Amino acid sequence: RHFHYSLAPIMFFPIFLTAITGSLFQVAVIMGKGTDFLWLLDLHRGKFGSINLELVYPLINAFGVLFLAVTGIVMWLQLNKTKRIHR
């Protein structure tokens, strides 16, 4: 539980940024304006101006999501277990 609560606020920004920029870029492509919004694709991939995290950014997001999913499921199962015991 401690690891989940510690990592969740840190992982929120990169996961949220990836989701938003990917969605907005897809909307731009659908509208035929994809080439005007390539900067969104750069952010989506982890390129932040002079800081280029393209090699590790997908790994950070993937491991963060997996870790939060696993610890979240474990916490949920523990909560359900305590609810069943107290009934």
N, C-alpha and C. Protein backbone atom coordinates (compact mmCIF):
# COMPACT_ATOMS: atom_id res chain seq x y z
N ARG A 1 0.83 -1.19 0.00
CA ARG A 1 0.00 0.00 0.00
C ARG A 1 0.87 1.26 0.00
N HIS A 2 1.93 1.23 0.79
CA HIS A 2 2.82 2.38 0.87
C HIS A 2 3.48 2.66 -0.49
N PHE A 3 3.92 1.59 -1.18
CA PHE A 3 4.56 1.77 -2.48
C PHE A 3 3.58 2.37 -3.49
N HIS A 4 2.34 1.91 -3.46
CA HIS A 4 1.32 2.40 -4.39
C HIS A 4 1.08 3.89 -4.15
N TYR A 5 0.88 4.27 -2.91
CA TYR A 5 0.61 5.67 -2.60
C TYR A 5 1.81 6.56 -2.86
N SER A 6 3.01 6.00 -2.76
CA SER A 6 4.21 6.79 -3.03
C SER A 6 4.42 6.99 -4.53
N LEU A 7 4.16 5.95 -5.31
CA LEU A 7 4.43 6.01 -6.74
C LEU A 7 3.31 6.68 -7.53
N ALA A 8 2.08 6.57 -7.09
CA ALA A 8 0.94 7.10 -7.85
C ALA A 8 1.07 8.59 -8.18
N PRO A 9 1.40 9.45 -7.23
CA PRO A 9 1.52 10.87 -7.60
C PRO A 9 2.67 11.15 -8.57
N ILE A 10 3.73 10.36 -8.46
CA ILE A 10 4.88 10.55 -9.36
C ILE A 10 4.53 10.11 -10.77
N MET A 11 3.82 9.00 -10.90
CA MET A 11 3.49 8.43 -12.21
C MET A 11 2.30 9.11 -12.88
N PHE A 12 1.54 9.88 -12.13
CA PHE A 12 0.37 10.53 -12.72
C PHE A 12 0.74 11.40 -13.92
N PHE A 13 1.74 12.25 -13.76
CA PHE A 13 2.07 13.21 -14.82
C PHE A 13 2.49 12.53 -16.12
N PRO A 14 3.47 11.61 -16.11
CA PRO A 14 3.85 11.02 -17.41
C PRO A 14 2.74 10.19 -18.05
N ILE A 15 1.96 9.48 -17.26
CA ILE A 15 0.87 8.68 -17.82
C ILE A 15 -0.22 9.58 -18.38
N PHE A 16 -0.57 10.62 -17.64
CA PHE A 16 -1.59 11.57 -18.09
C PHE A 16 -1.13 12.30 -19.35
N LEU A 17 0.13 12.74 -19.36
CA LEU A 17 0.67 13.45 -20.51
C LEU A 17 0.67 12.55 -21.75
N THR A 18 1.04 11.30 -21.58
CA THR A 18 1.04 10.36 -22.70
C THR A 18 -0.36 10.15 -23.25
N ALA A 19 -1.32 9.98 -22.36
CA ALA A 19 -2.71 9.76 -22.80
C ALA A 19 -3.27 10.99 -23.51
N ILE A 20 -3.07 12.15 -22.94
CA ILE A 20 -3.62 13.39 -23.53
C ILE A 20 -2.97 13.71 -24.87
N THR A 21 -1.64 13.67 -24.93
CA THR A 21 -0.96 14.02 -26.18
C THR A 21 -1.26 13.00 -27.28
N GLY A 22 -1.35 11.73 -26.93
CA GLY A 22 -1.69 10.71 -27.92
C GLY A 22 -3.09 10.91 -28.46
N SER A 23 -4.03 11.20 -27.59
CA SER A 23 -5.41 11.43 -28.01
C SER A 23 -5.54 12.68 -28.86
N LEU A 24 -4.92 13.76 -28.42
CA LEU A 24 -5.00 15.01 -29.18
C LEU A 24 -4.33 14.89 -30.55
N PHE A 25 -3.21 14.17 -30.61
CA PHE A 25 -2.55 13.98 -31.90
C PHE A 25 -3.44 13.15 -32.83
N GLN A 26 -4.10 12.15 -32.29
CA GLN A 26 -4.99 11.33 -33.11
C GLN A 26 -6.15 12.16 -33.66
N VAL A 27 -6.68 13.06 -32.85
CA VAL A 27 -7.74 13.96 -33.31
C VAL A 27 -7.21 14.84 -34.44
N ALA A 28 -5.98 15.35 -34.29
CA ALA A 28 -5.37 16.19 -35.32
C ALA A 28 -5.20 15.40 -36.62
N VAL A 29 -4.80 14.14 -36.52
CA VAL A 29 -4.64 13.30 -37.71
C VAL A 29 -5.99 13.08 -38.39
N ILE A 30 -7.02 12.81 -37.61
CA ILE A 30 -8.35 12.59 -38.17
C ILE A 30 -8.84 13.85 -38.90
N MET A 31 -8.49 15.01 -38.37
CA MET A 31 -8.91 16.26 -38.99
C MET A 31 -7.99 16.67 -40.14
N GLY A 32 -6.99 15.85 -40.43
CA GLY A 32 -6.08 16.14 -41.54
C GLY A 32 -5.03 17.18 -41.21
N LYS A 33 -4.78 17.42 -39.94
CA LYS A 33 -3.82 18.44 -39.53
C LYS A 33 -2.65 17.84 -38.74
N GLY A 34 -2.39 16.56 -38.93
CA GLY A 34 -1.35 15.87 -38.17
C GLY A 34 0.01 16.51 -38.27
N THR A 35 0.38 16.98 -39.47
CA THR A 35 1.71 17.58 -39.65
C THR A 35 1.87 18.89 -38.88
N ASP A 36 0.75 19.56 -38.59
CA ASP A 36 0.81 20.80 -37.81
C ASP A 36 1.02 20.54 -36.32
N PHE A 37 0.79 19.31 -35.89
CA PHE A 37 0.84 18.99 -34.47
C PHE A 37 1.86 17.90 -34.15
N LEU A 38 2.95 17.86 -34.88
CA LEU A 38 3.99 16.88 -34.62
C LEU A 38 4.65 17.11 -33.26
N TRP A 39 4.57 18.33 -32.74
CA TRP A 39 5.12 18.60 -31.42
C TRP A 39 4.38 17.80 -30.35
N LEU A 40 3.08 17.51 -30.57
CA LEU A 40 2.35 16.65 -29.64
C LEU A 40 2.93 15.24 -29.64
N LEU A 41 3.30 14.77 -30.82
CA LEU A 41 3.89 13.45 -30.94
C LEU A 41 5.24 13.40 -30.24
N ASP A 42 6.00 14.48 -30.32
CA ASP A 42 7.28 14.54 -29.60
C ASP A 42 7.05 14.42 -28.10
N LEU A 43 6.09 15.17 -27.57
CA LEU A 43 5.78 15.07 -26.13
C LEU A 43 5.30 13.67 -25.78
N HIS A 44 4.48 13.11 -26.64
CA HIS A 44 3.94 11.77 -26.41
C HIS A 44 5.05 10.73 -26.30
N ARG A 45 6.09 10.91 -27.06
CA ARG A 45 7.20 9.96 -27.08
C ARG A 45 8.26 10.24 -26.02
N GLY A 46 8.19 11.38 -25.35
CA GLY A 46 9.14 11.69 -24.29
C GLY A 46 10.24 12.64 -24.68
N LYS A 47 10.00 13.42 -25.72
CA LYS A 47 11.00 14.42 -26.12
C LYS A 47 10.52 15.78 -25.63
N PHE A 48 11.22 16.32 -24.63
CA PHE A 48 10.83 17.57 -23.99
C PHE A 48 11.89 18.63 -24.27
N GLY A 49 11.87 19.17 -25.46
CA GLY A 49 12.86 20.18 -25.84
C GLY A 49 14.24 19.56 -25.89
N SER A 50 15.15 20.09 -25.09
CA SER A 50 16.53 19.57 -25.09
C SER A 50 16.65 18.27 -24.29
N ILE A 51 15.62 17.94 -23.53
CA ILE A 51 15.61 16.69 -22.75
C ILE A 51 14.94 15.61 -23.59
N ASN A 52 15.71 14.62 -23.99
CA ASN A 52 15.19 13.56 -24.85
C ASN A 52 15.16 12.24 -24.06
N LEU A 53 13.97 11.82 -23.67
CA LEU A 53 13.78 10.59 -22.92
C LEU A 53 13.13 9.50 -23.76
N GLU A 54 13.21 9.63 -25.08
CA GLU A 54 12.50 8.70 -25.97
C GLU A 54 12.87 7.24 -25.74
N LEU A 55 14.08 6.96 -25.31
CA LEU A 55 14.48 5.57 -25.09
C LEU A 55 13.90 4.99 -23.80
N VAL A 56 13.75 5.81 -22.78
CA VAL A 56 13.30 5.28 -21.48
C VAL A 56 11.86 5.65 -21.13
N TYR A 57 11.31 6.65 -21.78
CA TYR A 57 9.96 7.13 -21.44
C TYR A 57 8.88 6.05 -21.58
N PRO A 58 8.89 5.28 -22.66
CA PRO A 58 7.89 4.20 -22.75
C PRO A 58 8.05 3.16 -21.64
N LEU A 59 9.29 2.87 -21.27
CA LEU A 59 9.53 1.91 -20.20
C LEU A 59 9.06 2.45 -18.85
N ILE A 60 9.31 3.72 -18.62
CA ILE A 60 8.86 4.35 -17.38
C ILE A 60 7.33 4.26 -17.29
N ASN A 61 6.66 4.61 -18.37
CA ASN A 61 5.19 4.55 -18.38
C ASN A 61 4.70 3.12 -18.23
N ALA A 62 5.29 2.18 -18.95
CA ALA A 62 4.83 0.79 -18.90
C ALA A 62 5.02 0.19 -17.52
N PHE A 63 6.21 0.33 -16.96
CA PHE A 63 6.46 -0.24 -15.64
C PHE A 63 5.63 0.48 -14.57
N GLY A 64 5.44 1.78 -14.73
CA GLY A 64 4.62 2.52 -13.78
C GLY A 64 3.17 2.06 -13.78
N VAL A 65 2.61 1.91 -14.98
CA VAL A 65 1.22 1.45 -15.09
C VAL A 65 1.08 0.03 -14.56
N LEU A 66 2.00 -0.85 -14.93
CA LEU A 66 1.93 -2.24 -14.45
C LEU A 66 2.07 -2.31 -12.92
N PHE A 67 3.02 -1.55 -12.38
CA PHE A 67 3.21 -1.56 -10.93
C PHE A 67 1.98 -1.03 -10.21
N LEU A 68 1.42 0.06 -10.70
CA LEU A 68 0.23 0.62 -10.07
C LEU A 68 -0.97 -0.31 -10.22
N ALA A 69 -1.08 -0.98 -11.36
CA ALA A 69 -2.19 -1.91 -11.56
C ALA A 69 -2.07 -3.10 -10.60
N VAL A 70 -0.88 -3.67 -10.49
CA VAL A 70 -0.69 -4.82 -9.62
C VAL A 70 -0.90 -4.44 -8.16
N THR A 71 -0.30 -3.36 -7.71
CA THR A 71 -0.47 -2.96 -6.31
C THR A 71 -1.90 -2.53 -6.03
N GLY A 72 -2.56 -1.92 -7.02
CA GLY A 72 -3.97 -1.54 -6.85
C GLY A 72 -4.86 -2.76 -6.71
N ILE A 73 -4.62 -3.78 -7.53
CA ILE A 73 -5.41 -5.01 -7.44
C ILE A 73 -5.17 -5.71 -6.11
N VAL A 74 -3.91 -5.75 -5.67
CA VAL A 74 -3.60 -6.36 -4.37
C VAL A 74 -4.33 -5.62 -3.25
N MET A 75 -4.32 -4.30 -3.27
CA MET A 75 -5.03 -3.53 -2.24
C MET A 75 -6.53 -3.79 -2.31
N TRP A 76 -7.08 -3.87 -3.51
CA TRP A 76 -8.51 -4.13 -3.67
C TRP A 76 -8.88 -5.51 -3.13
N LEU A 77 -8.04 -6.50 -3.43
CA LEU A 77 -8.31 -7.85 -2.93
C LEU A 77 -8.23 -7.89 -1.40
N GLN A 78 -7.28 -7.17 -0.83
CA GLN A 78 -7.16 -7.12 0.63
C GLN A 78 -8.37 -6.43 1.24
N LEU A 79 -8.87 -5.38 0.60
CA LEU A 79 -10.04 -4.67 1.11
C LEU A 79 -11.27 -5.57 1.06
N ASN A 80 -11.44 -6.29 -0.05
CA ASN A 80 -12.57 -7.21 -0.17
C ASN A 80 -12.47 -8.35 0.84
N LYS A 81 -11.25 -8.79 1.12
CA LYS A 81 -11.04 -9.86 2.10
C LYS A 81 -11.45 -9.40 3.49
N THR A 82 -11.10 -8.18 3.87
CA THR A 82 -11.47 -7.66 5.19
C THR A 82 -12.97 -7.41 5.28
N LYS A 83 -13.60 -7.02 4.17
CA LYS A 83 -15.05 -6.83 4.17
C LYS A 83 -15.78 -8.14 4.41
N ARG A 84 -15.29 -9.23 3.79
CA ARG A 84 -15.91 -10.55 3.94
C ARG A 84 -15.75 -11.07 5.37
N ILE A 85 -14.61 -10.77 5.99
CA ILE A 85 -14.36 -11.23 7.36
C ILE A 85 -15.29 -10.53 8.35
N HIS A 86 -15.57 -9.24 8.14
CA HIS A 86 -16.37 -8.46 9.07
C HIS A 86 -17.87 -8.60 8.86
N ARG A 87 -18.29 -9.39 7.93
CA ARG A 87 -19.74 -9.55 7.70
C ARG A 87 -20.34 -10.52 8.66
